[in-house]
C-alpha cells in the first residue's frame, strides 16, 4: 500500500465546536477512511499552518483523492493538502533512476559531434 500525508486547517466553527465538546478528530474520521480502503498509520496535531496531520495507507491515488474529498465535504476544514510519500525502497529506486539519466546525459555529451564550419 502507498503512504499519503494529509494536512488540514480547521474552520473557525470547527475549532469552536471542538472547544465546546473535545474529541479526537482522527477517531472521528477513521471509520470514513477505512470505508474507502485507507488505514491511519499515525496522526498528530502540529503547530503552525495546519491543525492536524494524518499519515495513512491507501491502495492508490484515486482512494487518496476520495479521502480528501470526503474530508472536504464534511465542512470541518478550511484547507487541506495531500502529499504522496515514497517508501524507502521507492526513494532508493528514484535515486537509481536519477543516476541512469545523469549517466545517459554525460554519455550523449561526450559522443556529440561538434558542428563543422560552413564552406
C-alpha atoms as a PDB file:
ATOM      1  CA  UNK A   1       0.000   0.000   0.000  1.00  0.00           C
ATOM      2  CA  UNK A   2       1.068   3.554  -0.670  1.00  0.00           C
ATOM      3  CA  UNK A   3       1.570   6.142   2.076  1.00  0.00           C
ATOM      4  CA  UNK A   4      -0.083   9.556   1.989  1.00  0.00           C
ATOM      5  CA  UNK A   5       0.133  12.538   4.308  1.00  0.00           C
ATOM      6  CA  UNK A   6      -2.955  14.690   4.758  1.00  0.00           C
ATOM      7  CA  UNK A   7      -2.632  18.079   6.434  1.00  0.00           C
ATOM      8  CA  UNK A   8      -5.632  20.247   7.254  1.00  0.00           C
ATOM      9  CA  UNK A   9      -6.570  23.525   8.877  1.00  0.00           C
ATOM     10  CA  UNK A  10      -9.872  23.715  10.705  1.00  0.00           C
ATOM     11  CA  UNK A  11     -12.567  26.283  10.092  1.00  0.00           C
ATOM     12  CA  UNK A  12     -13.220  28.685  12.965  1.00  0.00           C
ATOM     13  CA  UNK A  13     -16.581  26.981  13.546  1.00  0.00           C
ATOM     14  CA  UNK A  14     -14.974  23.549  13.700  1.00  0.00           C
ATOM     15  CA  UNK A  15     -12.397  24.764  16.210  1.00  0.00           C
ATOM     16  CA  UNK A  16     -15.120  26.390  18.340  1.00  0.00           C
ATOM     17  CA  UNK A  17     -17.144  23.150  18.268  1.00  0.00           C
ATOM     18  CA  UNK A  18     -14.080  21.160  19.350  1.00  0.00           C
ATOM     19  CA  UNK A  19     -13.504  23.550  22.252  1.00  0.00           C
ATOM     20  CA  UNK A  20     -17.103  23.033  23.392  1.00  0.00           C
ATOM     21  CA  UNK A  21     -17.028  19.236  23.032  1.00  0.00           C
ATOM     22  CA  UNK A  22     -13.426  17.988  22.851  1.00  0.00           C
ATOM     23  CA  UNK A  23     -12.914  14.766  20.918  1.00  0.00           C
ATOM     24  CA  UNK A  24     -10.107  13.213  18.914  1.00  0.00           C
ATOM     25  CA  UNK A  25     -10.840  14.253  15.306  1.00  0.00           C
ATOM     26  CA  UNK A  26      -8.714  11.398  13.969  1.00  0.00           C
ATOM     27  CA  UNK A  27     -11.016   8.892  15.648  1.00  0.00           C
ATOM     28  CA  UNK A  28     -13.966  10.718  14.087  1.00  0.00           C
ATOM     29  CA  UNK A  29     -12.589  10.349  10.546  1.00  0.00           C
ATOM     30  CA  UNK A  30     -11.014   6.893  10.962  1.00  0.00           C
ATOM     31  CA  UNK A  31     -14.221   4.954  10.038  1.00  0.00           C
ATOM     32  CA  UNK A  32     -14.692   7.024   6.862  1.00  0.00           C
ATOM     33  CA  UNK A  33     -11.094   6.368   5.796  1.00  0.00           C
ATOM     34  CA  UNK A  34     -11.495   2.662   6.474  1.00  0.00           C
ATOM     35  CA  UNK A  35     -14.694   2.578   4.383  1.00  0.00           C
ATOM     36  CA  UNK A  36     -12.656   3.978   1.488  1.00  0.00           C
ATOM     37  CA  UNK A  37      -9.939   1.339   1.955  1.00  0.00           C
ATOM     38  CA  UNK A  38      -7.431   3.549   3.782  1.00  0.00           C
ATOM     39  CA  UNK A  39      -5.757   2.858   7.130  1.00  0.00           C
ATOM     40  CA  UNK A  40      -4.424   5.506   9.518  1.00  0.00           C
ATOM     41  CA  UNK A  41      -0.752   4.881  10.343  1.00  0.00           C
ATOM     42  CA  UNK A  42      -0.076   7.888  12.574  1.00  0.00           C
ATOM     43  CA  UNK A  43      -1.666  11.235  13.315  1.00  0.00           C
ATOM     44  CA  UNK A  44      -0.731  14.352  15.210  1.00  0.00           C
ATOM     45  CA  UNK A  45      -1.533  17.983  15.781  1.00  0.00           C
ATOM     46  CA  UNK A  46       1.284  20.249  14.594  1.00  0.00           C
ATOM     47  CA  UNK A  47       1.821  23.875  15.492  1.00  0.00           C
ATOM     48  CA  UNK A  48       1.668  26.323  12.618  1.00  0.00           C
ATOM     49  CA  UNK A  49      -0.169  26.419   9.317  1.00  0.00           C
ATOM     50  CA  UNK A  50      -2.001  23.108   9.761  1.00  0.00           C
ATOM     51  CA  UNK A  51      -4.024  21.879  12.730  1.00  0.00           C
ATOM     52  CA  UNK A  52      -3.958  18.152  12.018  1.00  0.00           C
ATOM     53  CA  UNK A  53      -1.650  15.789  10.139  1.00  0.00           C
ATOM     54  CA  UNK A  54      -2.599  12.219   9.237  1.00  0.00           C
ATOM     55  CA  UNK A  55      -0.337   9.674   7.567  1.00  0.00           C
ATOM     56  CA  UNK A  56      -2.351   6.836   6.096  1.00  0.00           C
ATOM     57  CA  UNK A  57      -2.024   3.918   3.723  1.00  0.00           C
ATOM     58  CA  UNK A  58      -4.259   3.624   0.699  1.00  0.00           C
ATOM     59  CA  UNK A  59      -4.271   1.279  -2.275  1.00  0.00           C
ATOM     60  CA  UNK A  60      -3.967   4.029  -4.905  1.00  0.00           C
ATOM     61  CA  UNK A  61      -4.129   7.737  -5.763  1.00  0.00           C
ATOM     62  CA  UNK A  62      -7.873   7.594  -6.511  1.00  0.00           C
ATOM     63  CA  UNK A  63      -8.524   6.390  -2.974  1.00  0.00           C
ATOM     64  CA  UNK A  64      -6.361   9.217  -1.621  1.00  0.00           C
ATOM     65  CA  UNK A  65      -8.352  11.703  -3.696  1.00  0.00           C
ATOM     66  CA  UNK A  66     -11.562  10.230  -2.290  1.00  0.00           C
ATOM     67  CA  UNK A  67     -10.234  10.677   1.246  1.00  0.00           C
ATOM     68  CA  UNK A  68      -9.511  14.356   0.574  1.00  0.00           C
ATOM     69  CA  UNK A  69     -12.971  14.847  -0.955  1.00  0.00           C
ATOM     70  CA  UNK A  70     -14.688  13.118   1.969  1.00  0.00           C
ATOM     71  CA  UNK A  71     -12.885  15.322   4.486  1.00  0.00           C
ATOM     72  CA  UNK A  72     -13.648  18.474   2.466  1.00  0.00           C
ATOM     73  CA  UNK A  73     -17.319  17.515   2.099  1.00  0.00           C
ATOM     74  CA  UNK A  74     -17.682  17.299   5.876  1.00  0.00           C
ATOM     75  CA  UNK A  75     -17.085  21.065   6.017  1.00  0.00           C
ATOM     76  CA  UNK A  76     -14.778  20.976   9.039  1.00  0.00           C
ATOM     77  CA  UNK A  77     -11.602  22.128   7.278  1.00  0.00           C
ATOM     78  CA  UNK A  78     -10.869  25.392   5.517  1.00  0.00           C
ATOM     79  CA  UNK A  79      -7.866  23.983   3.665  1.00  0.00           C
ATOM     80  CA  UNK A  80      -6.296  20.596   3.149  1.00  0.00           C
ATOM     81  CA  UNK A  81      -3.281  19.158   1.414  1.00  0.00           C
ATOM     82  CA  UNK A  82      -2.475  15.589   0.389  1.00  0.00           C
ATOM     83  CA  UNK A  83       1.120  14.509  -0.256  1.00  0.00           C
ATOM     84  CA  UNK A  84       2.087  11.092  -1.601  1.00  0.00           C
ATOM     85  CA  UNK A  85       5.011   9.694   0.363  1.00  0.00           C
ATOM     86  CA  UNK A  86       7.648   7.438  -1.137  1.00  0.00           C
ATOM     87  CA  UNK A  87       8.675   4.348   0.806  1.00  0.00           C
ATOM     88  CA  UNK A  88      12.362   3.837   1.498  1.00  0.00           C
ATOM     89  CA  UNK A  89      12.516   1.349  -1.369  1.00  0.00           C
ATOM     90  CA  UNK A  90      10.795   3.792  -3.758  1.00  0.00           C
ATOM     91  CA  UNK A  91      13.217   6.527  -2.698  1.00  0.00           C
ATOM     92  CA  UNK A  92      16.207   4.285  -3.441  1.00  0.00           C
ATOM     93  CA  UNK A  93      14.748   3.340  -6.814  1.00  0.00           C
ATOM     94  CA  UNK A  94      14.245   7.016  -7.694  1.00  0.00           C
ATOM     95  CA  UNK A  95      17.898   7.678  -6.811  1.00  0.00           C
ATOM     96  CA  UNK A  96      18.971   4.814  -9.067  1.00  0.00           C
ATOM     97  CA  UNK A  97      16.836   6.124 -11.928  1.00  0.00           C
ATOM     98  CA  UNK A  98      18.289   9.599 -11.481  1.00  0.00           C
ATOM     99  CA  UNK A  99      21.771   8.117 -11.793  1.00  0.00           C
ATOM    100  CA  UNK A 100      20.789   6.378 -15.046  1.00  0.00           C
ATOM    101  CA  UNK A 101      19.510   9.667 -16.517  1.00  0.00           C
ATOM    102  CA  UNK A 102      22.650  11.534 -15.428  1.00  0.00           C
ATOM    103  CA  UNK A 103      24.918   8.872 -16.942  1.00  0.00           C
ATOM    104  CA  UNK A 104      22.993   8.957 -20.248  1.00  0.00           C
ATOM    105  CA  UNK A 105      23.260  12.752 -20.447  1.00  0.00           C
ATOM    106  CA  UNK A 106      27.015  12.601 -19.827  1.00  0.00           C
ATOM    107  CA  UNK A 107      27.431   9.886 -22.457  1.00  0.00           C
ATOM    108  CA  UNK A 108      25.440  11.848 -25.059  1.00  0.00           C
ATOM    109  CA  UNK A 109      27.563  14.969 -24.459  1.00  0.00           C
ATOM    110  CA  UNK A 110      30.836  13.116 -24.979  1.00  0.00           C
ATOM    111  CA  UNK A 111      29.661  11.432 -28.182  1.00  0.00           C
ATOM    112  CA  UNK A 112      28.147  14.539 -29.744  1.00  0.00           C
ATOM    113  CA  UNK A 113      29.869  15.638 -32.950  1.00  0.00           C
ATOM    114  CA  UNK A 114      30.765  19.310 -32.968  1.00  0.00           C
ATOM    115  CA  UNK A 115      29.345  21.452 -35.766  1.00  0.00           C
ATOM    116  CA  UNK A 116      31.651  21.650 -38.758  1.00  0.00           C
ATOM    117  CA  UNK A 117      32.440  25.090 -40.199  1.00  0.00           C
ATOM    118  CA  UNK A 118      30.452  26.196 -43.249  1.00  0.00           C
ATOM    119  CA  UNK A 119      32.225  26.287 -46.609  1.00  0.00           C
END
